[in-house]
Amino acid sequence: MTIRYSSDFLRQLKKLNVRVRKSFKEKITTFIKNPFSPELDNHSLKREYQGYRSIDITNDYRAIYQEKVEGDELVAYFISIGTHKELYEKSTS
């Protein structure tokens, strides 16, 4: 699986504190090895994020991605990272 990031995702990630960025780096390493590792709580989303999935970064932070097939390759395209509340408020505004 290939990992790609939207420009919005990278901007959001840059603004986060060092602890959250470090946790993201650890979780993405786990994701590459096993996207469905229990520590990630990888699950599909509903409503505004129908067709997307979420993984846990910290107790409160989540990363949202969409699986896409490009040619014969599966790509995890990360679009957003933030707290549960931030992501929910974004999707309803």
Protein backbone atom coordinates (compact mmCIF):
# COMPACT_ATOMS: atom_id res chain seq x y z
CA MET A 1 0.00 0.00 0.00
CA THR A 2 1.22 3.48 -0.89
CA ILE A 3 0.63 6.43 1.44
CA ARG A 4 -0.17 9.90 0.08
CA TYR A 5 -1.12 13.13 1.85
CA SER A 6 -3.25 16.04 0.68
CA SER A 7 -1.73 19.52 0.99
CA ASP A 8 -4.41 20.35 3.60
CA PHE A 9 -3.39 17.30 5.62
CA LEU A 10 0.28 18.35 5.58
CA ARG A 11 -0.63 21.91 6.67
CA GLN A 12 -2.73 20.55 9.54
CA LEU A 13 0.04 18.17 10.60
CA LYS A 14 2.64 20.98 10.65
CA LYS A 15 0.51 22.99 13.07
CA LEU A 16 0.24 20.17 15.63
CA ASN A 17 2.47 19.95 18.66
CA VAL A 18 5.56 17.76 18.65
CA ARG A 19 3.93 15.03 20.77
CA VAL A 20 1.07 14.54 18.30
CA ARG A 21 3.40 14.64 15.28
CA LYS A 22 5.64 12.02 16.91
CA SER A 23 2.60 9.84 17.64
CA PHE A 24 1.46 10.23 14.02
CA LYS A 25 4.87 9.07 12.78
CA GLU A 26 4.67 5.98 15.03
CA LYS A 27 1.08 5.20 13.99
CA ILE A 28 1.77 5.59 10.27
CA THR A 29 4.66 3.12 10.64
CA THR A 30 2.22 0.68 12.25
CA PHE A 31 -0.35 1.44 9.51
CA ILE A 32 2.16 0.57 6.78
CA LYS A 33 2.90 -2.78 8.44
CA ASN A 34 -0.73 -3.60 9.28
CA PRO A 35 -3.52 -1.08 8.49
CA PHE A 36 -5.90 -3.01 10.74
CA SER A 37 -3.68 -3.29 13.81
CA PRO A 38 -5.94 -3.05 16.90
CA GLU A 39 -4.02 -0.04 18.23
CA LEU A 40 -5.17 2.01 15.22
CA ASP A 41 -8.90 1.32 15.66
CA ASN A 42 -9.21 1.59 11.87
CA HIS A 43 -12.89 2.01 11.01
CA SER A 44 -15.14 3.28 8.25
CA LEU A 45 -16.95 6.58 8.67
CA LYS A 46 -20.53 7.64 8.01
CA ARG A 47 -22.52 10.71 7.00
CA GLU A 48 -20.30 13.51 5.62
CA TYR A 49 -17.29 11.19 5.55
CA GLN A 50 -19.03 8.26 3.83
CA GLY A 51 -16.38 6.30 1.91
CA TYR A 52 -13.54 7.39 4.21
CA ARG A 53 -11.79 5.64 7.09
CA SER A 54 -10.28 6.88 10.34
CA ILE A 55 -7.34 5.75 12.47
CA ASP A 56 -6.44 6.76 16.02
CA ILE A 57 -3.32 8.88 16.46
CA THR A 58 -3.70 9.70 20.19
CA ASN A 59 -6.62 9.35 22.58
CA ASP A 60 -8.23 12.40 20.95
CA TYR A 61 -6.54 12.85 17.56
CA ARG A 62 -7.67 11.03 14.43
CA ALA A 63 -6.43 10.87 10.83
CA ILE A 64 -8.95 10.46 8.00
CA TYR A 65 -8.07 8.75 4.76
CA GLN A 66 -9.64 7.24 1.67
CA GLU A 67 -8.52 4.06 -0.04
CA LYS A 68 -8.09 4.46 -3.79
CA VAL A 69 -6.92 2.08 -6.48
CA GLU A 70 -4.46 3.65 -8.91
CA GLY A 71 -3.55 1.23 -11.66
CA ASP A 72 -2.86 -2.01 -9.80
CA GLU A 73 -1.83 -0.23 -6.59
CA LEU A 74 -3.84 0.48 -3.43
CA VAL A 75 -3.28 4.01 -2.12
CA ALA A 76 -4.21 5.37 1.31
CA TYR A 77 -4.84 9.08 0.68
CA PHE A 78 -4.86 11.02 3.97
CA ILE A 79 -7.02 14.13 3.82
CA SER A 80 -7.40 15.43 7.37
CA ILE A 81 -6.00 15.18 10.90
CA GLY A 82 -7.36 16.71 14.09
CA THR A 83 -9.23 16.09 17.30
CA HIS A 84 -12.45 14.15 17.18
CA LYS A 85 -14.34 17.40 17.85
CA GLU A 86 -12.46 19.40 15.17
CA LEU A 87 -13.09 16.79 12.51
CA TYR A 88 -16.75 16.44 13.40
CA GLU A 89 -17.32 20.22 13.44
CA LYS A 90 -15.55 20.54 10.06
CA SER A 91 -17.81 17.97 8.47
CA THR A 92 -21.01 19.69 9.63
CA SER A 93 -20.14 23.30 8.79
